[in-house]
Amino acid sequence: MPTRLALTVALLTLSAHAKEPSQGATTFTVYEAFLSPAQEPGEESETPKVLEKSLGATAPSTPRESRKSRGWGQVRFAKDLSRAYVDVQIEGVNPADIIMFHIHCGPPGVLGPVVVNLGEHGALPTTLASGKLSLELTNKDIVFIKDMKGMKPGLPESCPAELGFATQTKTIAGLESLAKKGVLYFNLHTKAHTYYGEMRGQLYPAQP
């Protein structure tokens, strides 16, 4: 049986490490990415023929090594996983040429499905006019399929919540779980680089 002294020490230790529940919404786990054209897995000229009409470039493209576009982005997950905050800075891109900006799910060098459509928060040429973007994400921002053959309506387009399970990621908590695995990335799409994207940045735990 534990002694009175041992119990007192245990309670004092617990008290010293206890945190206010409200801290879950005001403390964060942070992941960041540095975007570059070099992370794109292919050139615009390699767009599959079957997708050229829907996702082909509408402006002359530039090889990856010649592009001047660069960016930085972070996703801060509240520790209670109720919401997340995205902060992005880009340079070397004309905001008027931006047509899509997403967070995708996929390992480095692999194209993956969209998890979050950052264009849902306003017209991108306007929201990125200054080269900066900051916004808040909640569960409703996880991308859901409206109608796709062979899939039930309401499933998000994103990665499975866990390999081997049919259920898909549909919460901020699920999104953070994917970030831990290193399979989330930013992808900025422009008129000249629509299919693979203008530049890409894989998200990893932010360094101190």
N, C-alpha and C. Protein backbone atom coordinates (compact mmCIF):
# COMPACT_ATOMS: atom_id res chain seq x y z
N MET A 1 0.85 -1.19 0.00
CA MET A 1 0.00 0.00 0.00
C MET A 1 0.88 1.25 0.00
N PRO A 2 0.54 2.25 -0.84
CA PRO A 2 1.34 3.47 -0.86
C PRO A 2 1.19 4.23 0.44
N THR A 3 2.26 4.84 0.89
CA THR A 3 2.23 5.62 2.12
C THR A 3 1.60 6.98 1.86
N ARG A 4 1.22 7.65 2.97
CA ARG A 4 0.63 8.99 2.87
C ARG A 4 1.60 9.95 2.16
N LEU A 5 2.92 9.78 2.49
CA LEU A 5 3.93 10.64 1.88
C LEU A 5 4.01 10.41 0.37
N ALA A 6 3.95 9.13 -0.03
CA ALA A 6 4.02 8.79 -1.45
C ALA A 6 2.83 9.37 -2.20
N LEU A 7 1.64 9.29 -1.59
CA LEU A 7 0.44 9.83 -2.22
C LEU A 7 0.53 11.35 -2.35
N THR A 8 1.07 11.98 -1.32
CA THR A 8 1.21 13.44 -1.36
C THR A 8 2.17 13.86 -2.46
N VAL A 9 3.28 13.14 -2.57
CA VAL A 9 4.27 13.44 -3.63
C VAL A 9 3.64 13.23 -5.00
N ALA A 10 2.86 12.17 -5.17
CA ALA A 10 2.22 11.88 -6.45
C ALA A 10 1.25 12.99 -6.83
N LEU A 11 0.46 13.46 -5.85
CA LEU A 11 -0.50 14.53 -6.11
C LEU A 11 0.21 15.83 -6.46
N LEU A 12 1.29 16.12 -5.76
CA LEU A 12 2.05 17.34 -6.06
C LEU A 12 2.66 17.27 -7.45
N THR A 13 3.15 16.09 -7.82
CA THR A 13 3.73 15.90 -9.16
C THR A 13 2.67 16.09 -10.24
N LEU A 14 1.49 15.51 -10.02
CA LEU A 14 0.39 15.65 -10.98
C LEU A 14 -0.02 17.12 -11.11
N SER A 15 -0.08 17.80 -9.97
CA SER A 15 -0.47 19.20 -9.96
C SER A 15 0.53 20.05 -10.72
N ALA A 16 1.80 19.72 -10.58
CA ALA A 16 2.85 20.50 -11.25
C ALA A 16 2.78 20.36 -12.76
N HIS A 17 2.32 19.21 -13.22
CA HIS A 17 2.27 18.94 -14.66
C HIS A 17 0.89 19.20 -15.27
N ALA A 18 -0.10 19.47 -14.43
CA ALA A 18 -1.46 19.69 -14.94
C ALA A 18 -1.52 20.98 -15.75
N LYS A 19 -2.41 20.99 -16.74
CA LYS A 19 -2.58 22.18 -17.58
C LYS A 19 -4.06 22.54 -17.65
N GLU A 20 -4.31 23.79 -17.87
CA GLU A 20 -5.68 24.26 -18.02
C GLU A 20 -6.28 23.69 -19.32
N PRO A 21 -7.50 23.16 -19.27
CA PRO A 21 -8.12 22.63 -20.50
C PRO A 21 -8.18 23.65 -21.63
N SER A 22 -8.33 24.93 -21.29
CA SER A 22 -8.44 25.96 -22.33
C SER A 22 -7.16 26.11 -23.14
N GLN A 23 -6.02 25.59 -22.61
CA GLN A 23 -4.77 25.69 -23.34
C GLN A 23 -4.79 24.87 -24.63
N GLY A 24 -5.71 23.94 -24.71
CA GLY A 24 -5.80 23.13 -25.92
C GLY A 24 -6.11 23.93 -27.17
N ALA A 25 -6.76 25.08 -26.98
CA ALA A 25 -7.12 25.93 -28.13
C ALA A 25 -6.10 27.01 -28.39
N THR A 26 -5.12 27.18 -27.49
CA THR A 26 -4.18 28.30 -27.62
C THR A 26 -2.72 27.85 -27.69
N THR A 27 -2.47 26.56 -27.68
CA THR A 27 -1.12 26.04 -27.88
C THR A 27 -1.14 25.16 -29.13
N PHE A 28 0.01 25.04 -29.79
CA PHE A 28 -0.01 24.48 -31.14
C PHE A 28 1.12 23.49 -31.41
N THR A 29 0.84 22.59 -32.36
CA THR A 29 1.85 21.76 -32.98
C THR A 29 2.03 22.30 -34.39
N VAL A 30 3.27 22.59 -34.78
CA VAL A 30 3.51 23.34 -36.02
C VAL A 30 4.27 22.50 -37.04
N TYR A 31 3.79 22.55 -38.28
CA TYR A 31 4.45 21.92 -39.42
C TYR A 31 4.70 23.00 -40.47
N GLU A 32 5.85 22.92 -41.16
CA GLU A 32 6.16 23.94 -42.14
C GLU A 32 6.71 23.33 -43.42
N ALA A 33 6.67 24.13 -44.48
CA ALA A 33 7.17 23.70 -45.78
C ALA A 33 7.83 24.88 -46.48
N PHE A 34 8.88 24.60 -47.22
CA PHE A 34 9.48 25.57 -48.12
C PHE A 34 9.17 25.12 -49.54
N LEU A 35 8.41 25.93 -50.26
CA LEU A 35 7.93 25.55 -51.58
C LEU A 35 8.96 25.89 -52.66
N SER A 36 9.08 25.01 -53.64
CA SER A 36 9.96 25.25 -54.78
C SER A 36 9.47 24.44 -55.97
N PRO A 37 9.78 24.89 -57.19
CA PRO A 37 9.42 24.10 -58.39
C PRO A 37 10.12 22.75 -58.41
N ALA A 38 11.29 22.65 -57.78
CA ALA A 38 12.06 21.40 -57.82
C ALA A 38 11.32 20.23 -57.19
N GLN A 39 10.35 20.50 -56.31
CA GLN A 39 9.62 19.42 -55.66
C GLN A 39 8.50 18.86 -56.54
N GLU A 40 8.17 19.56 -57.64
CA GLU A 40 7.14 19.03 -58.55
C GLU A 40 7.68 17.77 -59.24
N PRO A 41 6.88 16.71 -59.31
CA PRO A 41 7.37 15.45 -59.86
C PRO A 41 7.40 15.38 -61.39
N GLY A 42 7.00 16.45 -62.08
CA GLY A 42 7.02 16.41 -63.54
C GLY A 42 6.89 17.80 -64.14
N GLU A 43 7.15 17.89 -65.45
CA GLU A 43 7.01 19.14 -66.18
C GLU A 43 5.60 19.25 -66.75
N GLU A 44 5.20 20.47 -67.06
CA GLU A 44 3.86 20.68 -67.62
C GLU A 44 3.67 19.94 -68.92
N SER A 45 4.75 19.78 -69.70
CA SER A 45 4.67 19.07 -70.98
C SER A 45 4.36 17.59 -70.80
N GLU A 46 4.47 17.09 -69.58
CA GLU A 46 4.20 15.68 -69.30
C GLU A 46 2.78 15.44 -68.80
N THR A 47 1.93 16.47 -68.86
CA THR A 47 0.53 16.31 -68.47
C THR A 47 -0.11 15.18 -69.28
N PRO A 48 -0.77 14.21 -68.64
CA PRO A 48 -1.41 13.13 -69.40
C PRO A 48 -2.38 13.68 -70.45
N LYS A 49 -2.32 13.11 -71.64
CA LYS A 49 -3.14 13.60 -72.76
C LYS A 49 -4.62 13.66 -72.40
N VAL A 50 -5.08 12.67 -71.65
CA VAL A 50 -6.51 12.60 -71.33
C VAL A 50 -6.95 13.76 -70.43
N LEU A 51 -6.00 14.43 -69.77
CA LEU A 51 -6.33 15.52 -68.85
C LEU A 51 -5.96 16.90 -69.39
N GLU A 52 -5.44 16.95 -70.60
CA GLU A 52 -4.99 18.24 -71.14
C GLU A 52 -6.13 19.25 -71.27
N LYS A 53 -7.32 18.79 -71.63
CA LYS A 53 -8.44 19.72 -71.80
C LYS A 53 -8.90 20.30 -70.48
N SER A 54 -8.89 19.49 -69.43
CA SER A 54 -9.41 19.95 -68.14
C SER A 54 -8.34 20.53 -67.23
N LEU A 55 -7.11 20.01 -67.32
CA LEU A 55 -6.07 20.45 -66.40
C LEU A 55 -4.79 20.90 -67.11
N GLY A 56 -4.87 21.11 -68.40
CA GLY A 56 -3.71 21.56 -69.15
C GLY A 56 -3.46 23.04 -68.96
N ALA A 57 -2.21 23.47 -69.19
CA ALA A 57 -1.83 24.88 -69.03
C ALA A 57 -2.51 25.74 -70.10
N THR A 58 -2.81 26.98 -69.73
CA THR A 58 -3.41 27.94 -70.66
C THR A 58 -2.45 29.10 -70.93
N ALA A 59 -1.19 28.94 -70.50
CA ALA A 59 -0.15 29.95 -70.76
C ALA A 59 1.17 29.18 -70.96
N PRO A 60 2.14 29.80 -71.64
CA PRO A 60 3.42 29.11 -71.88
C PRO A 60 4.10 28.72 -70.57
N SER A 61 4.58 27.49 -70.50
CA SER A 61 5.20 26.99 -69.28
C SER A 61 6.72 27.18 -69.32
N THR A 62 7.33 27.04 -68.14
CA THR A 62 8.77 27.20 -67.97
C THR A 62 9.31 25.97 -67.25
N PRO A 63 10.45 25.42 -67.67
CA PRO A 63 11.02 24.26 -66.97
C PRO A 63 11.25 24.56 -65.49
N ARG A 64 11.18 23.52 -64.68
CA ARG A 64 11.29 23.70 -63.23
C ARG A 64 12.56 24.44 -62.81
N GLU A 65 13.70 24.08 -63.41
CA GLU A 65 14.96 24.69 -62.96
C GLU A 65 15.08 26.17 -63.34
N SER A 66 14.19 26.66 -64.23
CA SER A 66 14.25 28.05 -64.66
C SER A 66 13.25 28.95 -63.93
N ARG A 67 12.36 28.38 -63.14
CA ARG A 67 11.35 29.18 -62.46
C ARG A 67 11.93 29.88 -61.24
N LYS A 68 11.46 31.10 -61.00
CA LYS A 68 11.93 31.90 -59.87
C LYS A 68 10.97 31.83 -58.68
N SER A 69 9.88 31.11 -58.81
CA SER A 69 8.88 31.04 -57.75
C SER A 69 9.42 30.30 -56.53
N ARG A 70 9.13 30.85 -55.37
CA ARG A 70 9.51 30.23 -54.10
C ARG A 70 8.42 30.54 -53.07
N GLY A 71 8.36 29.77 -52.01
CA GLY A 71 7.36 30.02 -50.99
C GLY A 71 7.69 29.37 -49.67
N TRP A 72 6.96 29.79 -48.66
CA TRP A 72 7.06 29.19 -47.32
C TRP A 72 5.64 29.11 -46.77
N GLY A 73 5.35 28.04 -46.08
CA GLY A 73 4.03 27.91 -45.47
C GLY A 73 4.09 27.10 -44.20
N GLN A 74 3.15 27.35 -43.32
CA GLN A 74 3.06 26.55 -42.11
C GLN A 74 1.60 26.25 -41.80
N VAL A 75 1.39 25.13 -41.11
CA VAL A 75 0.08 24.79 -40.57
C VAL A 75 0.26 24.59 -39.08
N ARG A 76 -0.48 25.38 -38.28
CA ARG A 76 -0.44 25.29 -36.83
C ARG A 76 -1.71 24.60 -36.34
N PHE A 77 -1.56 23.42 -35.77
CA PHE A 77 -2.70 22.67 -35.26
C PHE A 77 -2.90 22.97 -33.77
N ALA A 78 -4.08 23.47 -33.41
CA ALA A 78 -4.40 23.63 -31.99
C ALA A 78 -4.32 22.26 -31.33
N LYS A 79 -3.80 22.21 -30.11
CA LYS A 79 -3.58 20.91 -29.47
C LYS A 79 -4.87 20.19 -29.12
N ASP A 80 -6.00 20.92 -29.07
CA ASP A 80 -7.27 20.22 -28.89
C ASP A 80 -7.84 19.76 -30.23
N LEU A 81 -7.10 20.05 -31.32
CA LEU A 81 -7.44 19.60 -32.68
C LEU A 81 -8.83 20.06 -33.13
N SER A 82 -9.25 21.21 -32.62
CA SER A 82 -10.53 21.77 -33.04
C SER A 82 -10.39 22.61 -34.31
N ARG A 83 -9.19 23.11 -34.55
CA ARG A 83 -8.95 23.96 -35.71
C ARG A 83 -7.46 24.02 -36.01
N ALA A 84 -7.14 24.57 -37.17
CA ALA A 84 -5.75 24.76 -37.57
C ALA A 84 -5.63 26.11 -38.26
N TYR A 85 -4.42 26.63 -38.30
CA TYR A 85 -4.18 27.94 -38.91
C TYR A 85 -3.09 27.81 -39.97
N VAL A 86 -3.37 28.36 -41.15
CA VAL A 86 -2.44 28.31 -42.27
C VAL A 86 -1.86 29.69 -42.51
N ASP A 87 -0.55 29.76 -42.64
CA ASP A 87 0.15 31.00 -42.99
C ASP A 87 1.08 30.70 -44.16
N VAL A 88 1.00 31.54 -45.20
CA VAL A 88 1.78 31.30 -46.41
C VAL A 88 2.40 32.61 -46.90
N GLN A 89 3.61 32.51 -47.43
CA GLN A 89 4.24 33.63 -48.14
C GLN A 89 4.80 33.09 -49.45
N ILE A 90 4.58 33.82 -50.54
CA ILE A 90 5.10 33.39 -51.84
C ILE A 90 5.80 34.56 -52.52
N GLU A 91 6.71 34.23 -53.44
CA GLU A 91 7.36 35.26 -54.24
C GLU A 91 7.68 34.68 -55.61
N GLY A 92 7.89 35.59 -56.57
CA GLY A 92 8.22 35.16 -57.93
C GLY A 92 7.04 34.66 -58.72
N VAL A 93 5.82 34.95 -58.25
CA VAL A 93 4.60 34.53 -58.95
C VAL A 93 3.67 35.74 -59.08
N ASN A 94 3.12 35.95 -60.26
CA ASN A 94 2.12 36.98 -60.45
C ASN A 94 0.79 36.48 -59.88
N PRO A 95 0.25 37.14 -58.85
CA PRO A 95 -1.00 36.65 -58.24
C PRO A 95 -2.13 36.47 -59.25
N ALA A 96 -2.15 37.28 -60.31
CA ALA A 96 -3.20 37.17 -61.32
C ALA A 96 -3.15 35.84 -62.07
N ASP A 97 -2.00 35.16 -62.02
CA ASP A 97 -1.84 33.89 -62.74
C ASP A 97 -2.20 32.68 -61.89
N ILE A 98 -2.46 32.90 -60.59
CA ILE A 98 -2.75 31.77 -59.69
C ILE A 98 -4.19 31.31 -59.90
N ILE A 99 -4.36 30.02 -60.12
CA ILE A 99 -5.71 29.49 -60.36
C ILE A 99 -6.16 28.49 -59.28
N MET A 100 -5.20 27.83 -58.61
CA MET A 100 -5.56 26.88 -57.55
C MET A 100 -4.44 26.86 -56.52
N PHE A 101 -4.82 26.62 -55.28
CA PHE A 101 -3.84 26.45 -54.21
C PHE A 101 -4.44 25.47 -53.21
N HIS A 102 -3.75 24.34 -53.00
CA HIS A 102 -4.30 23.25 -52.19
C HIS A 102 -3.30 22.75 -51.17
N ILE A 103 -3.82 22.04 -50.18
CA ILE A 103 -3.03 21.10 -49.40
C ILE A 103 -3.44 19.72 -49.89
N HIS A 104 -2.45 18.97 -50.35
CA HIS A 104 -2.69 17.63 -50.89
C HIS A 104 -2.16 16.58 -49.92
N CYS A 105 -2.53 15.36 -50.17
CA CYS A 105 -2.01 14.21 -49.43
C CYS A 105 -1.20 13.34 -50.37
N GLY A 106 0.07 13.14 -50.05
CA GLY A 106 0.92 12.28 -50.86
C GLY A 106 2.36 12.39 -50.40
N PRO A 107 3.15 11.32 -50.54
CA PRO A 107 4.56 11.37 -50.17
C PRO A 107 5.36 12.21 -51.16
N PRO A 108 6.58 12.60 -50.83
CA PRO A 108 7.39 13.41 -51.74
C PRO A 108 7.49 12.79 -53.13
N GLY A 109 7.34 13.64 -54.15
CA GLY A 109 7.48 13.19 -55.52
C GLY A 109 6.28 12.46 -56.09
N VAL A 110 5.18 12.42 -55.34
CA VAL A 110 3.98 11.69 -55.79
C VAL A 110 2.80 12.65 -55.76
N LEU A 111 2.02 12.67 -56.84
CA LEU A 111 0.79 13.47 -56.86
C LEU A 111 -0.27 12.77 -56.03
N GLY A 112 -0.95 13.54 -55.18
CA GLY A 112 -1.99 12.96 -54.35
C GLY A 112 -3.25 13.80 -54.38
N PRO A 113 -4.32 13.31 -53.79
CA PRO A 113 -5.60 14.02 -53.82
C PRO A 113 -5.60 15.27 -52.95
N VAL A 114 -6.55 16.15 -53.22
CA VAL A 114 -6.71 17.39 -52.46
C VAL A 114 -7.34 17.08 -51.10
N VAL A 115 -6.77 17.67 -50.04
CA VAL A 115 -7.35 17.55 -48.71
C VAL A 115 -8.05 18.85 -48.31
N VAL A 116 -7.39 19.97 -48.61
CA VAL A 116 -7.94 21.29 -48.30
C VAL A 116 -7.78 22.19 -49.52
N ASN A 117 -8.88 22.83 -49.93
CA ASN A 117 -8.85 23.78 -51.03
C ASN A 117 -8.74 25.19 -50.45
N LEU A 118 -7.55 25.78 -50.53
CA LEU A 118 -7.33 27.11 -49.97
C LEU A 118 -8.05 28.19 -50.77
N GLY A 119 -8.51 27.85 -51.96
CA GLY A 119 -9.27 28.79 -52.77
C GLY A 119 -10.70 28.98 -52.30
N GLU A 120 -11.14 28.15 -51.35
CA GLU A 120 -12.49 28.28 -50.81
C GLU A 120 -12.64 29.51 -49.92
N HIS A 121 -11.53 30.13 -49.58
CA HIS A 121 -11.56 31.27 -48.67
C HIS A 121 -11.46 32.60 -49.42
N GLY A 122 -11.74 32.60 -50.70
CA GLY A 122 -11.71 33.82 -51.49
C GLY A 122 -10.93 33.63 -52.77
N ALA A 123 -11.14 34.52 -53.74
CA ALA A 123 -10.45 34.43 -55.02
C ALA A 123 -8.94 34.56 -54.79
N LEU A 124 -8.17 33.59 -55.25
CA LEU A 124 -6.74 33.54 -54.94
C LEU A 124 -5.95 34.75 -55.44
N PRO A 125 -6.23 35.26 -56.64
CA PRO A 125 -5.49 36.46 -57.06
C PRO A 125 -5.69 37.64 -56.10
N THR A 126 -6.81 37.63 -55.38
CA THR A 126 -7.08 38.69 -54.40
C THR A 126 -6.49 38.35 -53.03
N THR A 127 -6.73 37.13 -52.54
CA THR A 127 -6.24 36.76 -51.21
C THR A 127 -4.73 36.66 -51.16
N LEU A 128 -4.09 36.43 -52.32
CA LEU A 128 -2.63 36.34 -52.38
C LEU A 128 -2.01 37.56 -53.06
N ALA A 129 -2.78 38.63 -53.20
CA ALA A 129 -2.29 39.83 -53.90
C ALA A 129 -1.03 40.38 -53.27
N SER A 130 -0.91 40.28 -51.93
CA SER A 130 0.26 40.80 -51.23
C SER A 130 1.38 39.76 -51.12
N GLY A 131 1.12 38.56 -51.63
CA GLY A 131 2.09 37.48 -51.50
C GLY A 131 1.97 36.73 -50.19
N LYS A 132 0.97 37.10 -49.37
CA LYS A 132 0.77 36.45 -48.08
C LYS A 132 -0.68 36.00 -47.93
N LEU A 133 -0.85 34.92 -47.19
CA LEU A 133 -2.19 34.39 -46.94
C LEU A 133 -2.23 33.80 -45.54
N SER A 134 -3.23 34.16 -44.76
CA SER A 134 -3.44 33.57 -43.44
C SER A 134 -4.92 33.24 -43.28
N LEU A 135 -5.21 32.04 -42.84
CA LEU A 135 -6.61 31.65 -42.66
C LEU A 135 -6.74 30.56 -41.62
N GLU A 136 -7.97 30.38 -41.17
CA GLU A 136 -8.30 29.37 -40.16
C GLU A 136 -9.03 28.22 -40.81
N LEU A 137 -8.68 27.01 -40.41
CA LEU A 137 -9.34 25.80 -40.92
C LEU A 137 -10.10 25.10 -39.79
N THR A 138 -11.28 24.58 -40.12
CA THR A 138 -12.02 23.71 -39.21
C THR A 138 -12.41 22.46 -39.99
N ASN A 139 -13.14 21.57 -39.34
CA ASN A 139 -13.51 20.32 -40.02
C ASN A 139 -14.25 20.55 -41.34
N LYS A 140 -15.01 21.64 -41.42
CA LYS A 140 -15.78 21.88 -42.64
C LYS A 140 -14.90 22.19 -43.84
N ASP A 141 -13.61 22.49 -43.61
CA ASP A 141 -12.71 22.81 -44.71
C ASP A 141 -12.08 21.58 -45.35
N ILE A 142 -12.27 20.41 -44.76
CA ILE A 142 -11.78 19.18 -45.38
C ILE A 142 -12.59 18.95 -46.65
N VAL A 143 -11.91 18.70 -47.77
CA VAL A 143 -12.59 18.59 -49.06
C VAL A 143 -13.44 17.32 -49.12
N PHE A 144 -14.69 17.49 -49.52
CA PHE A 144 -15.60 16.36 -49.67
C PHE A 144 -15.99 16.19 -51.14
N ILE A 145 -16.08 14.95 -51.56
CA ILE A 145 -16.52 14.63 -52.92
C ILE A 145 -18.02 14.83 -52.99
N LYS A 146 -18.48 15.59 -53.98
CA LYS A 146 -19.92 15.80 -54.15
C LYS A 146 -20.54 14.68 -54.99
N ASP A 147 -19.82 14.25 -56.00
CA ASP A 147 -20.36 13.21 -56.88
C ASP A 147 -19.21 12.58 -57.65
N MET A 148 -18.84 11.38 -57.29
CA MET A 148 -17.78 10.68 -58.01
C MET A 148 -18.19 9.22 -58.18
N LYS A 149 -18.13 8.76 -59.40
CA LYS A 149 -18.58 7.40 -59.71
C LYS A 149 -17.82 6.37 -58.85
N GLY A 150 -18.58 5.48 -58.25
CA GLY A 150 -17.99 4.40 -57.46
C GLY A 150 -17.69 4.76 -56.02
N MET A 151 -17.97 6.03 -55.62
CA MET A 151 -17.73 6.42 -54.24
C MET A 151 -18.99 6.99 -53.63
N LYS A 152 -19.17 6.75 -52.36
CA LYS A 152 -20.35 7.27 -51.69
C LYS A 152 -20.24 8.77 -51.50
N PRO A 153 -21.31 9.52 -51.75
CA PRO A 153 -21.28 10.96 -51.50
C PRO A 153 -20.93 11.23 -50.04
N GLY A 154 -20.17 12.29 -49.80
CA GLY A 154 -19.83 12.66 -48.44
C GLY A 154 -18.46 12.21 -48.01
N LEU A 155 -17.80 11.31 -48.76
CA LEU A 155 -16.44 10.92 -48.41
C LEU A 155 -15.49 12.03 -48.84
N PRO A 156 -14.54 12.40 -47.99
CA PRO A 156 -13.56 13.39 -48.43
C PRO A 156 -12.65 12.79 -49.49
N GLU A 157 -12.06 13.66 -50.31
CA GLU A 157 -11.18 13.18 -51.37
C GLU A 157 -9.85 12.70 -50.80
N SER A 158 -9.57 13.06 -49.56
CA SER A 158 -8.23 12.91 -49.01
C SER A 158 -7.83 11.45 -48.77
N CYS A 159 -6.61 11.31 -48.21
CA CYS A 159 -6.06 9.98 -47.93
C CYS A 159 -6.93 9.21 -46.94
N PRO A 160 -6.83 7.88 -46.96
CA PRO A 160 -7.49 7.10 -45.91
C PRO A 160 -6.97 7.53 -44.55
N ALA A 161 -7.85 7.49 -43.55
CA ALA A 161 -7.43 7.85 -42.20
C ALA A 161 -6.30 6.95 -41.73
N GLU A 162 -6.31 5.70 -42.16
CA GLU A 162 -5.24 4.76 -41.83
C GLU A 162 -5.22 3.70 -42.92
N LEU A 163 -4.04 3.26 -43.32
CA LEU A 163 -3.94 2.23 -44.35
C LEU A 163 -4.71 0.99 -43.92
N GLY A 164 -5.46 0.43 -44.86
CA GLY A 164 -6.22 -0.78 -44.56
C GLY A 164 -7.63 -0.52 -44.10
N PHE A 165 -7.97 0.76 -43.89
CA PHE A 165 -9.32 1.11 -43.46
C PHE A 165 -10.02 1.90 -44.57
N ALA A 166 -11.30 1.66 -44.76
CA ALA A 166 -12.04 2.31 -45.83
C ALA A 166 -12.39 3.76 -45.50
N THR A 167 -12.46 4.09 -44.22
CA THR A 167 -12.84 5.45 -43.84
C THR A 167 -11.75 6.44 -44.24
N GLN A 168 -12.17 7.67 -44.53
CA GLN A 168 -11.23 8.67 -45.00
C GLN A 168 -11.08 9.80 -44.00
N THR A 169 -10.00 10.55 -44.15
CA THR A 169 -9.75 11.70 -43.27
C THR A 169 -10.85 12.74 -43.45
N LYS A 170 -11.47 13.17 -42.36
CA LYS A 170 -12.52 14.17 -42.47
C LYS A 170 -12.55 15.14 -41.30
N THR A 171 -11.46 15.18 -40.52
CA THR A 171 -11.38 16.10 -39.39
C THR A 171 -9.99 16.74 -39.34
N ILE A 172 -9.88 17.82 -38.58
CA ILE A 172 -8.58 18.44 -38.34
C ILE A 172 -7.66 17.44 -37.65
N ALA A 173 -8.20 16.63 -36.76
CA ALA A 173 -7.40 15.61 -36.09
C ALA A 173 -6.81 14.64 -37.09
N GLY A 174 -7.61 14.23 -38.08
CA GLY A 174 -7.10 13.34 -39.12
C GLY A 174 -6.04 14.01 -39.97
N LEU A 175 -6.23 15.30 -40.23
CA LEU A 175 -5.26 16.06 -41.01
C LEU A 175 -3.92 16.11 -40.30
N GLU A 176 -3.95 16.35 -38.98
CA GLU A 176 -2.71 16.41 -38.21
C GLU A 176 -2.03 15.05 -38.18
N SER A 177 -2.81 13.99 -38.17
CA SER A 177 -2.24 12.64 -38.20
C SER A 177 -1.48 12.42 -39.50
N LEU A 178 -2.02 12.92 -40.61
CA LEU A 178 -1.32 12.81 -41.90
C LEU A 178 -0.05 13.64 -41.90
N ALA A 179 -0.10 14.83 -41.27
CA ALA A 179 1.09 15.68 -41.18
C ALA A 179 2.21 14.95 -40.44
N LYS A 180 1.85 14.24 -39.37
CA LYS A 180 2.85 13.49 -38.61
C LYS A 180 3.55 12.45 -39.48
N LYS A 181 2.82 11.91 -40.44
CA LYS A 181 3.37 10.87 -41.32
C LYS A 181 4.19 11.47 -42.47
N GLY A 182 4.18 12.80 -42.60
CA GLY A 182 4.94 13.44 -43.66
C GLY A 182 4.32 13.33 -45.03
N VAL A 183 2.98 13.18 -45.08
CA VAL A 183 2.32 12.98 -46.37
C VAL A 183 1.36 14.12 -46.73
N LEU A 184 1.62 15.32 -46.21
CA LEU A 184 0.86 16.49 -46.62
C LEU A 184 1.79 17.45 -47.36
N TYR A 185 1.27 18.11 -48.40
CA TYR A 185 2.08 19.10 -49.09
C TYR A 185 1.22 20.22 -49.67
N PHE A 186 1.81 21.42 -49.72
CA PHE A 186 1.20 22.54 -50.41
C PHE A 186 1.48 22.40 -51.91
N ASN A 187 0.51 22.80 -52.74
CA ASN A 187 0.76 22.85 -54.18
C ASN A 187 0.04 24.06 -54.75
N LEU A 188 0.83 24.96 -55.37
CA LEU A 188 0.31 26.17 -55.99
C LEU A 188 0.25 25.96 -57.49
N HIS A 189 -0.94 26.16 -58.07
CA HIS A 189 -1.14 25.95 -59.51
C HIS A 189 -1.36 27.29 -60.21
N THR A 190 -0.73 27.45 -61.37
CA THR A 190 -0.87 28.69 -62.14
C THR A 190 -1.35 28.38 -63.56
N LYS A 191 -1.64 29.43 -64.30
CA LYS A 191 -2.08 29.25 -65.69
C LYS A 191 -1.04 28.50 -66.51
N ALA A 192 0.23 28.74 -66.21
CA ALA A 192 1.30 28.11 -66.98
C ALA A 192 1.69 26.73 -66.46
N HIS A 193 1.35 26.45 -65.20
CA HIS A 193 1.73 25.18 -64.59
C HIS A 193 0.54 24.67 -63.78
N THR A 194 -0.39 24.05 -64.49
CA THR A 194 -1.68 23.70 -63.93
C THR A 194 -1.74 22.28 -63.40
N TYR A 195 -1.22 21.32 -64.14
CA TYR A 195 -1.38 19.92 -63.75
C TYR A 195 -0.47 19.57 -62.57
N TYR A 196 0.83 19.64 -62.74
CA TYR A 196 1.74 19.34 -61.63
C TYR A 196 1.78 20.49 -60.63
N GLY A 197 1.76 21.70 -61.14
CA GLY A 197 1.79 22.87 -60.27
C GLY A 197 3.02 23.73 -60.49
N GLU A 198 2.91 24.97 -60.07
CA GLU A 198 4.02 25.93 -60.16
C GLU A 198 5.12 25.60 -59.17
N MET A 199 4.73 25.33 -57.93
CA MET A 199 5.71 24.96 -56.90
C MET A 199 4.99 24.18 -55.80
N ARG A 200 5.78 23.39 -55.11
CA ARG A 200 5.23 22.45 -54.13
C ARG A 200 6.11 22.48 -52.88
N GLY A 201 5.50 22.20 -51.72
CA GLY A 201 6.26 22.15 -50.48
C GLY A 201 5.75 21.08 -49.54
N GLN A 202 6.57 20.06 -49.27
CA GLN A 202 6.18 18.99 -48.35
C GLN A 202 6.24 19.51 -46.92
N LEU A 203 5.22 19.21 -46.12
CA LEU A 203 5.14 19.67 -44.74
C LEU A 203 5.84 18.72 -43.78
N TYR A 204 6.70 19.30 -42.92
CA TYR A 204 7.43 18.55 -41.90
C TYR A 204 7.36 19.32 -40.58
N PRO A 205 7.62 18.65 -39.44
CA PRO A 205 7.61 19.36 -38.16
C PRO A 205 8.55 20.58 -38.21
N ALA A 206 8.06 21.73 -37.76
CA ALA A 206 8.88 22.94 -37.77
C ALA A 206 10.05 22.79 -36.82
N GLN A 207 11.20 23.27 -37.27
CA GLN A 207 12.40 23.21 -36.44
C GLN A 207 12.44 24.40 -35.48
N PRO A 208 12.94 24.21 -34.27
CA PRO A 208 13.01 25.32 -33.30
C PRO A 208 13.86 26.46 -33.86
